N, C-alpha and C. Protein backbone atom coordinates (compact mmCIF):
# COMPACT_ATOMS: atom_id res chain seq x y z
N MET A 1 -33.12 84.92 21.90
CA MET A 1 -32.37 85.28 23.09
C MET A 1 -33.27 85.16 24.31
N ASN A 2 -32.68 84.83 25.41
CA ASN A 2 -33.49 84.68 26.61
C ASN A 2 -33.41 85.91 27.51
N GLY A 3 -34.23 85.90 28.55
CA GLY A 3 -34.26 87.01 29.49
C GLY A 3 -32.94 87.24 30.19
N ASN A 4 -32.17 86.17 30.39
CA ASN A 4 -30.88 86.30 31.05
C ASN A 4 -29.95 87.22 30.26
N PHE A 5 -30.01 87.14 28.92
CA PHE A 5 -29.23 88.01 28.06
C PHE A 5 -29.55 89.48 28.33
N TYR A 6 -30.84 89.80 28.35
CA TYR A 6 -31.26 91.19 28.55
C TYR A 6 -30.91 91.70 29.94
N LEU A 7 -31.06 90.85 30.95
CA LEU A 7 -30.71 91.26 32.31
C LEU A 7 -29.21 91.51 32.43
N SER A 8 -28.41 90.66 31.81
CA SER A 8 -26.96 90.84 31.85
C SER A 8 -26.56 92.14 31.15
N ALA A 9 -27.16 92.41 30.00
CA ALA A 9 -26.86 93.65 29.27
C ALA A 9 -27.30 94.87 30.08
N LEU A 10 -28.46 94.79 30.70
CA LEU A 10 -28.95 95.90 31.52
C LEU A 10 -27.99 96.17 32.67
N ASP A 11 -27.55 95.12 33.35
CA ASP A 11 -26.63 95.30 34.46
C ASP A 11 -25.27 95.84 34.00
N GLU A 12 -24.83 95.40 32.84
CA GLU A 12 -23.52 95.83 32.32
C GLU A 12 -23.52 97.30 31.88
N TYR A 13 -24.59 97.73 31.21
CA TYR A 13 -24.58 99.05 30.58
C TYR A 13 -25.45 100.11 31.24
N GLU A 14 -26.40 99.73 32.05
CA GLU A 14 -27.33 100.71 32.61
C GLU A 14 -27.31 100.81 34.15
N LYS A 15 -27.03 99.73 34.82
CA LYS A 15 -27.10 99.70 36.28
C LYS A 15 -26.05 100.62 36.88
N LYS A 16 -26.47 101.39 37.86
CA LYS A 16 -25.57 102.28 38.58
C LYS A 16 -24.84 101.49 39.67
N PRO A 17 -23.66 101.92 40.09
CA PRO A 17 -22.88 101.18 41.09
C PRO A 17 -23.63 100.93 42.40
N HIS A 18 -24.51 101.84 42.78
CA HIS A 18 -25.23 101.69 44.06
C HIS A 18 -26.49 100.82 43.93
N GLU A 19 -26.85 100.41 42.72
CA GLU A 19 -28.07 99.61 42.50
C GLU A 19 -27.79 98.12 42.61
N ASN A 20 -28.81 97.39 43.04
CA ASN A 20 -28.73 95.93 43.10
C ASN A 20 -28.84 95.34 41.70
N PRO A 21 -28.46 94.07 41.52
CA PRO A 21 -28.62 93.45 40.21
C PRO A 21 -30.08 93.47 39.76
N SER A 22 -30.28 93.54 38.46
CA SER A 22 -31.63 93.59 37.89
C SER A 22 -32.35 92.27 38.08
N ILE A 23 -33.66 92.34 38.10
CA ILE A 23 -34.49 91.14 38.13
C ILE A 23 -35.40 91.17 36.91
N GLY A 24 -35.84 90.01 36.47
CA GLY A 24 -36.76 89.94 35.35
C GLY A 24 -38.12 89.47 35.80
N ILE A 25 -39.14 89.95 35.13
CA ILE A 25 -40.51 89.54 35.41
C ILE A 25 -41.11 89.03 34.10
N ILE A 26 -41.63 87.82 34.12
CA ILE A 26 -42.30 87.26 32.96
C ILE A 26 -43.78 87.22 33.28
N LEU A 27 -44.59 87.90 32.49
CA LEU A 27 -46.04 87.91 32.69
C LEU A 27 -46.69 86.98 31.68
N CYS A 28 -47.54 86.10 32.16
CA CYS A 28 -48.24 85.15 31.29
C CYS A 28 -49.74 85.27 31.52
N LYS A 29 -50.51 85.12 30.45
CA LYS A 29 -51.96 85.17 30.58
C LYS A 29 -52.49 83.98 31.35
N GLU A 30 -51.88 82.83 31.20
CA GLU A 30 -52.34 81.63 31.90
C GLU A 30 -51.14 80.79 32.30
N LYS A 31 -51.36 79.91 33.27
CA LYS A 31 -50.29 79.09 33.81
C LYS A 31 -49.91 77.98 32.83
N SER A 32 -48.59 77.82 32.68
CA SER A 32 -48.08 76.71 31.88
C SER A 32 -46.74 76.30 32.49
N ASN A 33 -46.72 75.16 33.16
CA ASN A 33 -45.48 74.69 33.78
C ASN A 33 -44.37 74.53 32.74
N ARG A 34 -44.72 74.13 31.54
CA ARG A 34 -43.73 73.92 30.49
C ARG A 34 -43.06 75.23 30.11
N ILE A 35 -43.84 76.29 29.99
CA ILE A 35 -43.27 77.60 29.65
C ILE A 35 -42.33 78.06 30.75
N VAL A 36 -42.74 77.87 32.00
CA VAL A 36 -41.89 78.25 33.13
C VAL A 36 -40.57 77.47 33.07
N GLU A 37 -40.66 76.18 32.81
CA GLU A 37 -39.44 75.36 32.72
C GLU A 37 -38.51 75.88 31.63
N PHE A 38 -39.05 76.18 30.46
CA PHE A 38 -38.21 76.67 29.37
C PHE A 38 -37.64 78.06 29.67
N ALA A 39 -38.43 78.91 30.28
CA ALA A 39 -37.98 80.27 30.57
C ALA A 39 -36.82 80.29 31.54
N PHE A 40 -36.79 79.34 32.47
CA PHE A 40 -35.76 79.34 33.51
C PHE A 40 -34.64 78.34 33.27
N ARG A 41 -34.70 77.60 32.21
CA ARG A 41 -33.68 76.58 31.94
C ARG A 41 -32.34 77.23 31.60
N ASP A 42 -31.28 76.62 32.07
CA ASP A 42 -29.91 77.03 31.74
C ASP A 42 -29.56 78.45 32.16
N THR A 43 -30.10 78.92 33.25
CA THR A 43 -29.72 80.24 33.74
C THR A 43 -28.89 80.07 35.00
N SER A 44 -28.02 81.02 35.22
CA SER A 44 -27.15 80.95 36.39
C SER A 44 -27.60 81.90 37.50
N LYS A 45 -28.63 82.67 37.25
CA LYS A 45 -29.11 83.62 38.24
C LYS A 45 -30.28 83.03 39.02
N PRO A 46 -30.37 83.36 40.32
CA PRO A 46 -31.50 82.84 41.10
C PRO A 46 -32.82 83.40 40.57
N MET A 47 -33.85 82.56 40.55
CA MET A 47 -35.16 82.98 40.06
C MET A 47 -36.24 82.36 40.92
N GLY A 48 -37.40 82.94 40.86
CA GLY A 48 -38.55 82.41 41.58
C GLY A 48 -39.78 82.49 40.69
N VAL A 49 -40.80 81.77 41.07
CA VAL A 49 -42.07 81.76 40.34
C VAL A 49 -43.17 82.10 41.34
N ALA A 50 -44.07 82.97 40.92
CA ALA A 50 -45.16 83.36 41.81
C ALA A 50 -46.42 83.59 41.01
N THR A 51 -47.54 83.59 41.68
CA THR A 51 -48.82 83.92 41.08
C THR A 51 -49.06 85.41 41.30
N TYR A 52 -49.45 86.08 40.25
CA TYR A 52 -49.72 87.51 40.31
C TYR A 52 -51.22 87.71 40.20
N ARG A 53 -51.79 88.34 41.20
CA ARG A 53 -53.23 88.63 41.16
C ARG A 53 -53.41 90.13 41.20
N THR A 54 -54.36 90.60 40.44
CA THR A 54 -54.63 92.03 40.42
C THR A 54 -55.72 92.37 41.42
N ALA A 55 -55.71 93.60 41.86
CA ALA A 55 -56.74 94.13 42.75
C ALA A 55 -57.44 95.27 42.01
N ARG A 56 -58.53 95.68 42.53
CA ARG A 56 -59.25 96.79 41.88
C ARG A 56 -58.44 98.07 41.91
N GLU A 57 -57.71 98.29 42.98
CA GLU A 57 -56.88 99.49 43.09
C GLU A 57 -55.48 99.12 43.51
N LEU A 58 -54.53 99.85 42.97
CA LEU A 58 -53.14 99.66 43.34
C LEU A 58 -52.92 100.30 44.71
N PRO A 59 -52.26 99.61 45.64
CA PRO A 59 -51.98 100.22 46.94
C PRO A 59 -51.21 101.54 46.76
N PRO A 60 -51.48 102.52 47.61
CA PRO A 60 -50.86 103.84 47.44
C PRO A 60 -49.34 103.82 47.33
N GLU A 61 -48.68 102.91 48.08
CA GLU A 61 -47.22 102.90 48.05
C GLU A 61 -46.64 102.43 46.71
N TYR A 62 -47.49 101.83 45.85
CA TYR A 62 -47.03 101.36 44.54
C TYR A 62 -47.46 102.26 43.39
N LYS A 63 -48.32 103.22 43.65
CA LYS A 63 -48.76 104.12 42.58
C LYS A 63 -47.57 104.91 42.06
N GLY A 64 -47.46 104.98 40.76
CA GLY A 64 -46.34 105.66 40.13
C GLY A 64 -45.12 104.76 39.92
N ILE A 65 -45.15 103.56 40.54
CA ILE A 65 -44.04 102.61 40.38
C ILE A 65 -44.45 101.47 39.48
N LEU A 66 -45.63 100.88 39.74
CA LEU A 66 -46.13 99.76 38.97
C LEU A 66 -47.31 100.20 38.11
N PRO A 67 -47.50 99.58 36.94
CA PRO A 67 -48.68 99.90 36.13
C PRO A 67 -49.94 99.35 36.79
N ASP A 68 -51.07 99.98 36.53
CA ASP A 68 -52.33 99.48 37.09
C ASP A 68 -52.81 98.27 36.29
N ALA A 69 -53.88 97.65 36.76
CA ALA A 69 -54.39 96.41 36.14
C ALA A 69 -54.75 96.62 34.68
N GLU A 70 -55.36 97.74 34.33
CA GLU A 70 -55.75 97.99 32.94
C GLU A 70 -54.54 98.09 32.03
N LYS A 71 -53.49 98.76 32.49
CA LYS A 71 -52.28 98.88 31.67
C LYS A 71 -51.62 97.51 31.48
N LEU A 72 -51.60 96.68 32.52
CA LEU A 72 -51.05 95.32 32.38
C LEU A 72 -51.85 94.52 31.37
N LYS A 73 -53.18 94.63 31.40
CA LYS A 73 -54.02 93.94 30.43
C LYS A 73 -53.71 94.38 29.01
N GLU A 74 -53.53 95.70 28.82
CA GLU A 74 -53.19 96.22 27.49
C GLU A 74 -51.85 95.65 27.01
N LEU A 75 -50.87 95.60 27.89
CA LEU A 75 -49.55 95.09 27.53
C LEU A 75 -49.62 93.61 27.15
N LEU A 76 -50.43 92.84 27.87
CA LEU A 76 -50.55 91.41 27.57
C LEU A 76 -51.29 91.15 26.27
N ASP A 77 -52.18 92.07 25.89
CA ASP A 77 -52.96 91.88 24.67
C ASP A 77 -52.21 92.32 23.41
N GLU A 78 -51.07 92.98 23.57
CA GLU A 78 -50.31 93.45 22.39
C GLU A 78 -49.69 92.31 21.65
């Protein structure tokens, strides 16, 4: 199943009426144009691709919302 399936299910069963549609984030250890192409193929929802760089510290406005760099590394290594 692709990410579009999970986003559709999330919006159908979990999203509150006042919330915007869900977005998906795909984290990759290294760049692969082929993986990006396959991940976004045949989807009807708008998507974008960006480079994610970590900093030594999370900006204060994101603390408690986003995981820190160490937690992201742990998640990628699982």
